[in-house]
Protein backbone atom coordinates (compact mmCIF):
# COMPACT_ATOMS: atom_id res chain seq x y z
CA MET A 1 -24.98 -114.81 13.88
CA THR A 2 -21.80 -115.50 12.32
CA ILE A 3 -19.90 -113.56 9.64
CA ASN A 4 -20.46 -116.34 7.20
CA ASN A 5 -24.23 -116.13 7.66
CA THR A 6 -24.22 -112.53 7.34
CA LEU A 7 -21.98 -112.05 4.35
CA GLY A 8 -23.83 -114.94 2.55
CA GLY A 9 -20.94 -117.49 2.75
CA PRO A 10 -17.15 -118.07 3.18
CA ARG A 11 -14.93 -114.99 2.53
CA THR A 12 -11.47 -114.01 2.65
CA ARG A 13 -10.14 -111.59 5.15
CA ARG A 14 -10.06 -108.93 2.30
CA GLU A 15 -13.71 -109.61 1.37
CA ILE A 16 -14.62 -109.34 4.98
CA LEU A 17 -13.08 -106.00 5.61
CA LYS A 18 -14.26 -104.69 2.24
CA GLY A 19 -17.81 -105.74 3.08
CA ALA A 20 -17.69 -104.00 6.47
CA ALA A 21 -16.58 -100.73 4.74
CA VAL A 22 -19.43 -100.81 2.58
CA LEU A 23 -21.70 -101.21 5.45
CA GLY A 24 -22.02 -97.65 6.55
CA GLY A 25 -18.09 -97.32 7.41
CA GLY A 26 -18.37 -100.95 8.93
CA ILE A 27 -17.72 -102.05 12.36
CA LEU A 28 -13.91 -101.82 12.14
CA ALA A 29 -14.17 -98.33 10.62
CA MET A 30 -16.77 -96.90 12.95
CA PRO A 31 -15.64 -93.72 14.95
CA TYR A 32 -15.59 -94.14 18.60
CA LEU A 33 -18.48 -91.68 19.29
CA SER A 34 -20.54 -93.81 16.81
CA ARG A 35 -19.80 -96.92 18.63
CA LEU A 36 -20.95 -95.42 21.90
CA ALA A 37 -24.34 -94.86 20.38
CA PHE A 38 -24.88 -98.42 20.58
CA ALA A 39 -24.20 -98.45 24.30
CA ASN A 40 -27.00 -97.96 27.05
CA PRO A 41 -26.65 -94.15 27.98
CA VAL A 42 -25.53 -93.51 31.55
CA GLU A 43 -28.22 -92.24 33.49
CA LEU A 44 -27.65 -88.93 35.56
CA ASN A 45 -30.08 -88.15 38.20
CA MET A 46 -30.76 -84.28 38.25
CA LEU A 47 -32.72 -82.20 40.92
CA ALA A 48 -33.78 -78.95 39.52
CA TRP A 49 -36.28 -76.55 38.81
CA TYR A 50 -38.35 -77.33 35.95
CA GLY A 51 -37.01 -77.01 32.48
CA HIS A 52 -33.26 -77.74 33.28
CA ALA A 53 -33.44 -81.46 32.09
CA GLU A 54 -35.63 -80.73 28.79
CA PRO A 55 -34.13 -81.55 25.34
CA ASP A 56 -33.79 -77.91 24.36
CA VAL A 57 -31.06 -77.56 27.23
CA VAL A 58 -29.63 -81.01 27.44
CA ALA A 59 -30.09 -82.95 24.18
CA GLN A 60 -26.63 -81.97 22.68
CA PHE A 61 -24.85 -83.00 25.78
CA GLU A 62 -26.76 -86.30 26.17
CA ALA A 63 -25.78 -86.96 22.36
CA GLU A 64 -22.12 -86.14 22.90
CA ASN A 65 -21.63 -87.94 26.07
CA ASN A 66 -23.88 -91.04 25.93
CA VAL A 67 -26.12 -89.77 28.82
CA LYS A 68 -29.65 -89.60 29.60
CA PHE A 69 -30.96 -87.18 32.35
CA LYS A 70 -33.48 -88.30 34.89
CA PRO A 71 -34.98 -85.14 36.38
CA LYS A 72 -36.81 -84.64 39.75
CA TYR A 73 -38.47 -81.32 39.47
CA TYR A 74 -39.19 -79.02 42.43
CA THR A 75 -40.48 -75.52 43.13
CA GLY A 76 -38.91 -73.41 45.91
CA GLY A 77 -35.78 -74.14 48.00
CA ASP A 78 -37.74 -75.50 50.99
CA ASN A 79 -39.11 -78.07 48.59
CA MET A 80 -35.68 -78.76 47.35
CA LEU A 81 -34.11 -79.61 50.76
CA GLY A 82 -37.07 -81.71 51.58
CA LEU A 83 -36.55 -83.88 48.84
CA ILE A 84 -32.81 -84.22 49.55
CA ALA A 85 -33.41 -85.11 53.13
CA GLN A 86 -35.74 -87.91 52.20
CA SER A 87 -33.46 -89.45 49.79
CA PRO A 88 -30.25 -91.80 50.34
CA SER A 89 -26.96 -90.29 49.74
CA GLY A 90 -25.88 -90.54 46.06
CA THR A 91 -29.61 -90.33 45.08
CA PHE A 92 -28.77 -86.98 42.82
CA ASP A 93 -25.89 -86.65 40.73
CA VAL A 94 -26.29 -83.11 39.96
CA ILE A 95 -28.29 -80.51 42.14
CA LEU A 96 -29.55 -77.16 40.80
CA SER A 97 -30.43 -74.90 43.83
CA ASP A 98 -31.06 -71.19 44.50
CA ALA A 99 -27.84 -69.36 45.51
CA GLU A 100 -29.22 -68.80 49.04
CA TYR A 101 -29.68 -72.45 49.71
CA VAL A 102 -25.97 -73.56 48.86
CA GLN A 103 -24.82 -73.00 52.64
CA GLN A 104 -27.63 -75.10 54.09
CA LEU A 105 -26.82 -77.77 51.44
CA ASN A 106 -23.10 -77.59 52.29
CA ALA A 107 -23.80 -77.49 56.09
CA ALA A 108 -26.04 -80.79 55.99
CA GLY A 109 -23.51 -82.60 53.79
CA TYR A 110 -25.39 -82.80 50.74
CA ILE A 111 -22.95 -81.63 48.28
CA GLU A 112 -19.39 -82.37 47.32
CA GLU A 113 -16.53 -79.76 47.27
CA LEU A 114 -15.47 -78.73 43.89
CA ASP A 115 -11.92 -77.61 42.25
CA PRO A 116 -12.43 -74.04 41.04
CA ARG A 117 -9.85 -74.63 38.39
CA ASP A 118 -12.12 -76.93 36.65
CA TYR A 119 -14.46 -74.28 35.79
CA ALA A 120 -14.04 -71.16 33.40
CA PHE A 121 -14.51 -68.49 36.21
CA ASP A 122 -12.20 -66.07 34.13
CA ASP A 123 -14.82 -65.67 31.73
CA TYR A 124 -17.38 -64.46 33.97
CA PHE A 125 -18.05 -61.00 34.91
CA PRO A 126 -16.16 -60.08 38.25
CA GLU A 127 -19.29 -59.84 40.30
CA PHE A 128 -19.87 -63.54 39.90
CA GLN A 129 -16.52 -65.15 40.25
CA GLN A 130 -16.65 -65.77 43.83
CA PHE A 131 -20.37 -65.35 44.27
CA ALA A 132 -21.28 -65.16 48.11
CA GLY A 133 -22.40 -68.47 49.62
CA HIS A 134 -20.81 -70.57 46.94
CA TRP A 135 -17.62 -70.52 48.65
CA GLN A 136 -16.60 -71.27 52.30
CA ASP A 137 -13.32 -71.19 53.85
CA GLY A 138 -11.71 -70.72 50.41
CA LYS A 139 -13.42 -73.90 49.01
CA LEU A 140 -15.95 -74.21 46.17
CA TYR A 141 -19.07 -76.05 46.59
CA SER A 142 -21.41 -74.61 43.71
CA VAL A 143 -21.09 -73.00 40.14
CA LEU A 144 -23.26 -70.17 39.38
CA THR A 145 -24.91 -70.76 36.04
CA ARG A 146 -27.88 -68.10 35.49
CA PHE A 147 -29.81 -65.42 37.27
CA GLY A 148 -32.49 -62.98 36.74
CA PHE A 149 -34.39 -60.06 38.43
CA LEU A 150 -37.58 -60.05 40.32
CA GLY A 151 -39.81 -56.91 39.97
CA VAL A 152 -43.70 -56.25 39.24
CA ALA A 153 -44.99 -58.53 36.68
CA TYR A 154 -48.08 -56.83 35.14
CA ASN A 155 -50.60 -57.21 32.24
CA THR A 156 -49.75 -54.40 29.65
CA GLU A 157 -53.47 -53.75 29.02
CA ALA A 158 -54.45 -53.22 32.48
CA LEU A 159 -51.38 -51.17 33.69
CA THR A 160 -48.77 -48.67 32.30
CA GLU A 161 -45.10 -49.48 32.96
CA LYS A 162 -45.15 -46.11 35.05
CA GLU A 163 -48.10 -47.65 37.14
CA ALA A 164 -46.29 -51.07 37.45
CA SER A 165 -42.85 -49.17 38.49
CA THR A 166 -43.76 -49.26 42.28
CA TYR A 167 -44.69 -52.19 44.58
CA ASN A 168 -47.50 -49.84 45.78
CA VAL A 169 -49.37 -50.88 42.49
CA TYR A 170 -50.27 -54.00 44.38
CA TRP A 171 -52.64 -52.07 46.44
CA ALA A 172 -54.43 -50.33 43.64
CA GLU A 173 -58.09 -50.41 43.81
CA LYS A 174 -58.56 -51.65 40.16
CA LEU A 175 -56.36 -54.68 41.07
CA LYS A 176 -58.55 -55.79 43.83
CA GLY A 177 -58.76 -59.60 43.54
CA LYS A 178 -56.65 -59.56 40.67
CA VAL A 179 -53.16 -59.71 42.35
CA GLY A 180 -51.42 -63.06 42.55
CA HIS A 181 -48.67 -64.33 44.56
CA PHE A 182 -45.98 -66.86 43.25
CA ASP A 183 -46.27 -69.09 46.37
CA TRP A 184 -43.09 -68.82 47.91
CA HIS A 185 -42.30 -66.43 50.93
CA LEU A 186 -38.56 -65.27 50.13
CA PRO A 187 -39.35 -63.25 47.00
CA ASN A 188 -42.60 -61.93 47.87
CA LEU A 189 -41.70 -60.76 51.55
CA GLY A 190 -38.50 -59.63 50.01
CA GLN A 191 -40.21 -57.30 47.58
CA ILE A 192 -42.57 -55.73 50.36
CA SER A 193 -39.37 -55.34 52.59
CA LEU A 194 -37.85 -53.16 49.81
CA LEU A 195 -40.90 -51.14 49.64
CA GLU A 196 -40.85 -50.70 53.68
CA GLY A 197 -37.41 -49.18 52.65
CA ASN A 198 -35.11 -51.93 54.24
CA ALA A 199 -31.80 -51.50 52.37
CA SER A 200 -30.80 -55.05 53.34
CA PRO A 201 -34.43 -56.72 52.62
CA TYR A 202 -33.68 -60.03 54.46
CA ASP A 203 -31.72 -58.69 57.54
CA LEU A 204 -34.42 -57.22 59.85
CA ASP A 205 -34.68 -56.43 63.38
CA GLU A 206 -37.95 -57.60 65.31
CA THR A 207 -39.26 -53.99 64.95
CA ALA A 208 -38.65 -54.14 61.02
CA TRP A 209 -39.82 -57.64 61.00
CA GLY A 210 -42.97 -56.68 62.91
CA LYS A 211 -43.78 -53.97 60.33
CA LEU A 212 -43.20 -55.98 57.43
CA GLN A 213 -45.55 -58.62 58.54
CA GLU A 214 -48.16 -55.67 59.25
CA LYS A 215 -47.74 -54.35 55.70
CA VAL A 216 -48.00 -57.75 54.06
CA THR A 217 -51.28 -58.45 55.91
CA THR A 218 -52.95 -55.47 54.51
CA LEU A 219 -52.29 -56.72 51.17
CA ARG A 220 -54.47 -59.77 51.66
CA PRO A 221 -57.69 -58.41 50.52
CA GLN A 222 -56.12 -57.77 47.10
CA ILE A 223 -54.86 -61.28 46.42
CA GLY A 224 -56.73 -63.63 44.13
CA GLY A 225 -54.73 -66.43 44.69
CA PHE A 226 -51.37 -68.37 45.44
CA PHE A 227 -49.82 -70.20 42.56
CA ASP A 228 -47.14 -72.63 41.76
CA TYR A 229 -45.00 -72.53 38.58
CA GLY A 230 -47.74 -73.51 36.07
CA GLY A 231 -50.55 -71.62 37.74
CA THR A 232 -48.43 -68.54 37.55
CA PHE A 233 -48.00 -69.07 33.81
CA SER A 234 -51.77 -69.80 33.12
CA SER A 235 -53.39 -67.05 35.55
CA LEU A 236 -51.10 -64.32 33.93
CA GLN A 237 -51.53 -65.71 30.27
CA ASN A 238 -55.43 -65.82 30.53
CA GLY A 239 -55.66 -62.47 32.37
CA GLN A 240 -57.16 -64.03 35.83
CA MET A 241 -54.23 -62.34 37.44
CA LEU A 242 -53.42 -58.71 36.32
CA ALA A 243 -50.27 -58.58 38.49
CA MET A 244 -48.07 -60.89 40.33
CA ALA A 245 -45.95 -60.58 43.06
CA GLY A 246 -42.72 -62.50 43.57
CA ILE A 247 -41.67 -63.13 39.98
CA GLY A 248 -40.14 -61.42 36.96
CA ASP A 249 -39.02 -62.08 33.39
CA TRP A 250 -38.16 -65.69 34.28
CA ILE A 251 -41.99 -66.14 33.87
CA THR A 252 -43.14 -63.01 31.82
CA GLY A 253 -40.44 -63.44 29.33
CA THR A 254 -41.71 -66.74 27.99
CA LEU A 255 -45.12 -65.30 28.01
CA GLU A 256 -44.28 -62.43 26.20
CA LYS A 257 -42.28 -64.06 23.35
CA ASN A 258 -45.40 -66.28 22.79
CA GLY A 259 -47.76 -63.11 22.58
CA ALA A 260 -49.09 -62.76 26.07
CA LYS A 261 -49.68 -59.05 27.00
CA VAL A 262 -47.53 -59.20 30.16
CA ARG A 263 -44.25 -57.89 31.16
CA SER A 264 -41.95 -57.28 34.26
CA VAL A 265 -40.40 -53.97 35.31
CA ILE A 266 -37.91 -53.08 38.26
CA SER A 267 -39.60 -51.46 40.75
CA GLU A 268 -38.33 -47.88 41.87
CA GLU A 269 -38.11 -49.27 45.24
CA GLY A 270 -35.32 -51.82 43.82
CA GLY A 271 -35.37 -55.39 42.53
CA LEU A 272 -34.30 -58.82 43.73
CA GLN A 273 -31.95 -61.09 42.12
CA TRP A 274 -32.58 -64.77 41.89
CA THR A 275 -29.47 -67.04 41.16
CA GLU A 276 -29.03 -70.61 40.21
CA SER A 277 -26.05 -72.73 40.41
CA PHE A 278 -25.18 -76.33 40.03
CA SER A 279 -23.51 -78.56 42.64
CA ILE A 280 -22.51 -82.30 42.67
CA GLY A 281 -24.58 -84.59 44.91
CA LYS A 282 -22.76 -85.93 47.90
CA GLY A 283 -22.03 -89.57 47.14
CA SER A 284 -22.68 -89.52 43.44
CA THR A 285 -20.97 -92.42 41.92
CA LYS A 286 -20.78 -90.33 38.61
CA ALA A 287 -19.19 -87.13 39.83
CA ASP A 288 -16.75 -87.13 36.76
CA LEU A 289 -19.82 -86.85 34.46
CA ALA A 290 -21.66 -84.56 36.51
CA LYS A 291 -18.54 -82.17 36.45
CA LYS A 292 -18.42 -82.55 32.87
CA TRP A 293 -22.02 -81.27 32.62
CA ILE A 294 -21.53 -78.32 34.92
CA GLN A 295 -18.56 -77.53 32.57
CA TYR A 296 -20.79 -77.66 29.61
CA ILE A 297 -23.56 -75.67 30.96
CA THR A 298 -21.26 -73.01 32.10
CA SER A 299 -19.25 -72.75 28.72
CA ALA A 300 -20.39 -70.31 26.28
CA GLN A 301 -22.24 -72.69 24.21
CA GLY A 302 -24.12 -74.10 27.26
CA GLN A 303 -24.81 -70.47 28.53
CA VAL A 304 -26.62 -69.62 25.31
CA LYS A 305 -29.06 -72.62 25.58
CA SER A 306 -29.64 -71.58 29.53
CA ALA A 307 -30.17 -68.04 28.54
CA ASN A 308 -32.87 -69.32 25.88
CA MET A 309 -34.21 -72.09 28.07
CA THR A 310 -37.98 -72.78 26.78
CA ALA A 311 -39.26 -73.21 30.29
CA TYR A 312 -37.89 -69.76 31.62
CA PRO A 313 -35.33 -67.46 30.20
CA ALA A 314 -32.71 -66.34 32.28
CA LEU A 315 -29.51 -63.94 32.29
CA ILE A 316 -26.02 -65.46 32.39
CA PRO A 317 -22.92 -64.69 33.97
CA ASN A 318 -20.49 -65.66 31.25
CA LYS A 319 -19.21 -62.94 29.36
CA LYS A 320 -18.34 -65.24 26.22
CA GLY A 321 -21.73 -66.57 26.61
CA TRP A 322 -23.08 -62.81 26.02
CA GLU A 323 -20.83 -62.56 22.87
CA LEU A 324 -22.19 -65.91 21.46
CA LEU A 325 -25.75 -65.06 22.43
CA ALA A 326 -25.60 -61.65 20.59
CA LYS A 327 -24.58 -63.75 17.29
CA GLU A 328 -26.93 -66.62 17.78
CA THR A 329 -30.13 -65.08 19.04
CA PRO A 330 -29.46 -61.32 19.08
CA GLU A 331 -33.12 -60.30 19.66
CA GLU A 332 -33.11 -62.22 23.04
CA ALA A 333 -29.70 -60.92 23.89
CA LYS A 334 -31.45 -57.33 23.33
CA ARG A 335 -34.68 -58.23 25.12
CA GLN A 336 -32.86 -59.51 27.98
CA GLY A 337 -30.44 -56.62 28.05
CA MET A 338 -27.29 -58.72 27.68
CA LEU A 339 -25.34 -56.72 24.99
CA LEU A 340 -21.59 -55.73 25.92
CA ASN A 341 -20.44 -52.13 25.21
CA GLU A 342 -23.75 -50.47 26.03
CA SER A 343 -26.15 -50.04 28.84
CA ASN A 344 -27.04 -53.53 30.03
CA VAL A 345 -28.27 -55.43 33.09
CA MET A 346 -24.93 -55.45 34.86
CA ASP A 347 -25.79 -51.60 35.38
CA LEU A 348 -28.52 -52.55 37.56
CA ILE A 349 -26.43 -54.44 39.88
CA ARG A 350 -23.71 -52.13 39.86
CA ASN A 351 -25.76 -48.95 40.62
CA GLY A 352 -27.27 -50.84 43.61
CA ARG A 353 -30.91 -51.01 42.19
CA ILE A 354 -30.83 -54.89 42.76
CA LYS A 355 -30.36 -56.75 46.14
CA TYR A 356 -29.39 -60.57 46.13
CA ARG A 357 -32.21 -62.48 47.64
CA GLN A 358 -31.33 -64.24 50.66
CA LEU A 359 -32.14 -66.45 53.48
CA PRO A 360 -33.49 -64.47 56.85
CA VAL A 361 -30.66 -63.28 58.61
CA GLN A 362 -32.05 -62.47 62.08
CA GLN A 363 -35.17 -64.70 61.94
CA SER A 364 -35.12 -68.62 61.19
CA LEU A 365 -36.30 -69.77 57.89
CA GLU A 366 -39.22 -71.35 59.86
CA ASP A 367 -40.25 -67.90 61.13
CA TRP A 368 -40.84 -66.42 57.58
CA ASN A 369 -42.40 -69.74 56.52
CA ASP A 370 -44.85 -69.86 59.44
CA PHE A 371 -46.05 -66.25 58.54
CA TRP A 372 -46.41 -67.06 55.16
CA SER A 373 -48.57 -70.01 56.01
CA GLU A 374 -50.84 -67.81 58.27
CA TYR A 375 -50.93 -65.16 55.78
CA LYS A 376 -52.30 -67.56 53.25
CA GLY A 377 -54.79 -68.85 55.46
CA SER A 378 -56.19 -65.70 56.76
């Protein structure tokens, strides 16, 4: 189509420019970002837990950068490792992993080294500026973006907060057949390890490991099911399960905000911290854009979106993110305990009530996985 046909006949250069200006600012006056909108978006492949590539989190970044995320969702770190192992190098541009798996990703050559100067670690709480496992030999491989605590998830009509404040509640007679497991061995076995008095719940000698297996086995008659992400939501929401082991506010928080009679509490024996971080996939051809995404989601603005994620809420490590959260969604900042200059969730970490979830130290991951499979099948 020629300019003559478009504008209805021969025109002078001045008329052409004037006509272009009338057409919404015109091609010649169109801002750069507006012109980008006409180009096909760049596709970024993300491997992550469900929710991280949904519109409530990524829409603004996609619009500002002409990007479209293509997510591959998983449940549990073992599943994540399997998906990467089965995929050619460069398949995933950004990888969200639980912190305890970063070292395995690095050892297997699945993620790129990062430059710490690219990320706003000075805005982070000191506890998270050099998070264990994300660095190796002074080199950075993953950037912490969000975290949360695992305790006892319970139905508030069936249990009081006091009753739920110990992992012993899982053995309560009135909960027989009504206790569920989030189907992943690390959080579940870690909780019972704390109940057994292990100060380092994942660093067990053979005696302690044997006692943990014996204790967990006694819980089997209480268990009504082993659930994935969606099943955990629905079974708590409809009252099929009255308590759930292996989870915390990352699930009950979403349900509670939508009116379900559920809540989580940190056990008197202590709680576990799950931690998520982003890495750039080895061999990505879009590493610069992947870096830009990590910078965005760990900025104050991105951190607010992460804290309020529709799929599951979380705590955030960026202090400026806390400040912005208190302004934009003060109710959620208060609900999650992320208010500065008063008692908040950082106190639980600093007073030792929270232990970081880890991979087994003295056993192999296969040992724990094998026991979990046997337990499920018993």
